[in-house]
């Protein structure tokens, strides 16, 4: 798929065939760039945590440091889950299902994919899903 090239200023539009090779390559590159950024941030966090000392003399400083560390680790855990979703989206690009709603098989809007390239549901299906979750929570 990497033999397909899109100009750097290419943006998918509703005027072209949905998920044509250039559009798929655009989203593949967007996902890979996002994944690379998350991995770099994760590496920086690891380096930061390894260089940080918990040998603070002041108990308040140590408690603050522990809180910061805990928050950082929770953030990295969320990013790890996000990387897994990016990997799944990249796999969908490879198998030709990227950009189509898992529930309805209808195309997911380009605006939604631009905003959330890992989306697996159309806005309508996502709203239905959220309504059902709220209903189940209220029971």
Protein backbone atom coordinates (compact mmCIF):
# COMPACT_ATOMS: atom_id res chain seq x y z
CA UNK A 1 0.00 0.00 0.00
CA UNK A 2 2.95 2.34 0.53
CA UNK A 3 3.37 2.75 -3.24
CA UNK A 4 0.30 5.02 -3.15
CA UNK A 5 1.22 8.63 -2.62
CA UNK A 6 -0.89 11.61 -1.77
CA UNK A 7 0.32 15.17 -1.91
CA UNK A 8 1.12 16.62 1.53
CA UNK A 9 -1.81 19.02 1.24
CA UNK A 10 -4.32 16.26 0.30
CA UNK A 11 -7.52 16.19 2.35
CA UNK A 12 -10.24 13.60 1.77
CA UNK A 13 -13.45 15.01 0.37
CA UNK A 14 -17.00 13.81 -0.18
CA UNK A 15 -16.47 14.44 -3.93
CA UNK A 16 -14.27 11.35 -4.34
CA UNK A 17 -14.93 7.64 -4.02
CA UNK A 18 -15.13 6.67 -0.36
CA UNK A 19 -11.99 4.89 0.87
CA UNK A 20 -10.23 4.97 -2.47
CA UNK A 21 -6.52 4.01 -2.29
CA UNK A 22 -5.32 7.61 -1.78
CA UNK A 23 -7.85 8.19 1.02
CA UNK A 24 -6.88 4.93 2.74
CA UNK A 25 -3.21 5.89 2.52
CA UNK A 26 -4.01 9.34 3.98
CA UNK A 27 -5.69 7.76 7.01
CA UNK A 28 -2.95 5.10 7.31
CA UNK A 29 -0.32 7.84 7.54
CA UNK A 30 -2.44 9.87 9.95
CA UNK A 31 -2.80 6.83 12.24
CA UNK A 32 0.91 5.97 12.02
CA UNK A 33 1.89 9.55 12.89
CA UNK A 34 -0.47 9.55 15.89
CA UNK A 35 0.89 6.17 17.01
CA UNK A 36 4.48 7.41 16.68
CA UNK A 37 3.70 10.49 18.76
CA UNK A 38 2.13 8.39 21.53
CA UNK A 39 5.11 6.02 21.57
CA UNK A 40 7.56 8.94 21.79
CA UNK A 41 5.61 10.42 24.72
CA UNK A 42 5.56 7.03 26.41
CA UNK A 43 9.33 6.70 26.03
CA UNK A 44 9.82 10.19 27.48
CA UNK A 45 7.66 9.24 30.47
CA UNK A 46 9.70 6.11 31.10
CA UNK A 47 12.94 8.09 30.98
CA UNK A 48 11.46 10.73 33.27
CA UNK A 49 10.23 8.14 35.80
CA UNK A 50 13.59 6.34 35.78
CA UNK A 51 15.55 9.54 36.37
CA UNK A 52 13.17 10.85 39.03
CA UNK A 53 14.14 10.20 42.62
CA UNK A 54 11.68 9.19 45.30
CA UNK A 55 14.27 10.03 47.93
CA UNK A 56 12.58 13.34 48.74
CA UNK A 57 13.24 14.24 52.36
CA UNK A 58 9.97 16.11 52.82
CA UNK A 59 6.93 13.83 53.18
CA UNK A 60 4.71 16.39 51.38
CA UNK A 61 7.13 16.53 48.43
CA UNK A 62 7.22 12.74 48.27
CA UNK A 63 3.42 12.53 48.38
CA UNK A 64 3.17 15.12 45.60
CA UNK A 65 5.70 13.20 43.53
CA UNK A 66 3.77 9.93 44.06
CA UNK A 67 0.54 11.62 42.96
CA UNK A 68 2.21 13.01 39.84
CA UNK A 69 3.71 9.62 39.06
CA UNK A 70 0.35 7.87 39.50
CA UNK A 71 -1.36 10.35 37.18
CA UNK A 72 1.38 9.95 34.60
CA UNK A 73 1.08 6.16 34.71
CA UNK A 74 -2.72 6.31 34.31
CA UNK A 75 -2.28 8.59 31.32
CA UNK A 76 0.23 6.18 29.78
CA UNK A 77 -2.17 3.29 30.37
CA UNK A 78 -4.90 5.16 28.48
CA UNK A 79 -2.42 5.87 25.70
CA UNK A 80 -1.43 2.17 25.58
CA UNK A 81 -5.10 1.30 25.04
CA UNK A 82 -5.30 4.01 22.39
CA UNK A 83 -2.28 2.53 20.58
CA UNK A 84 -4.09 -0.83 20.52
CA UNK A 85 -7.11 0.88 18.92
CA UNK A 86 -4.83 2.56 16.38
CA UNK A 87 -3.31 -0.84 15.56
CA UNK A 88 -6.81 -2.26 15.05
CA UNK A 89 -7.67 0.68 12.75
CA UNK A 90 -4.49 0.04 10.75
CA UNK A 91 -5.53 -3.60 10.43
CA UNK A 92 -8.97 -2.50 9.16
CA UNK A 93 -7.21 -0.38 6.52
CA UNK A 94 -5.29 -3.50 5.44
CA UNK A 95 -8.39 -5.70 5.28
CA UNK A 96 -10.56 -3.07 3.58
CA UNK A 97 -13.09 -2.51 6.38
CA UNK A 98 -11.70 0.84 7.60
CA UNK A 99 -14.15 3.72 7.46
CA UNK A 100 -17.25 1.55 7.56
CA UNK A 101 -19.55 1.25 10.58
CA UNK A 102 -19.20 -2.08 12.41
CA UNK A 103 -22.95 -2.22 13.00
CA UNK A 104 -24.45 -0.93 9.76
CA UNK A 105 -21.62 -1.36 7.20
CA UNK A 106 -22.42 2.21 6.10
CA UNK A 107 -19.55 4.67 5.54
CA UNK A 108 -18.52 6.68 8.60
CA UNK A 109 -18.50 10.38 7.75
CA UNK A 110 -15.15 11.87 6.74
CA UNK A 111 -15.59 14.61 9.35
CA UNK A 112 -15.89 11.95 12.06
CA UNK A 113 -12.88 10.02 10.77
CA UNK A 114 -10.82 13.22 10.62
CA UNK A 115 -11.73 14.00 14.23
CA UNK A 116 -11.49 10.40 15.48
CA UNK A 117 -9.56 8.22 13.02
CA UNK A 118 -10.09 5.15 15.23
CA UNK A 119 -13.90 5.41 15.03
CA UNK A 120 -15.63 2.10 14.34
CA UNK A 121 -19.22 3.33 14.46
CA UNK A 122 -21.09 5.98 12.52
CA UNK A 123 -22.38 8.89 14.60
CA UNK A 124 -25.91 7.45 14.47
CA UNK A 125 -24.75 4.00 15.63
CA UNK A 126 -22.56 5.57 18.34
CA UNK A 127 -25.50 7.62 19.65
CA UNK A 128 -27.71 4.51 19.66
CA UNK A 129 -25.00 2.63 21.52
CA UNK A 130 -24.66 5.41 24.12
CA UNK A 131 -28.45 5.62 24.60
CA UNK A 132 -28.58 1.86 25.25
CA UNK A 133 -25.71 2.14 27.76
CA UNK A 134 -27.52 4.94 29.61
CA UNK A 135 -30.75 2.93 29.65
CA UNK A 136 -28.94 -0.12 31.05
CA UNK A 137 -27.24 2.02 33.71
CA UNK A 138 -30.58 3.49 34.77
CA UNK A 139 -32.13 0.04 35.27
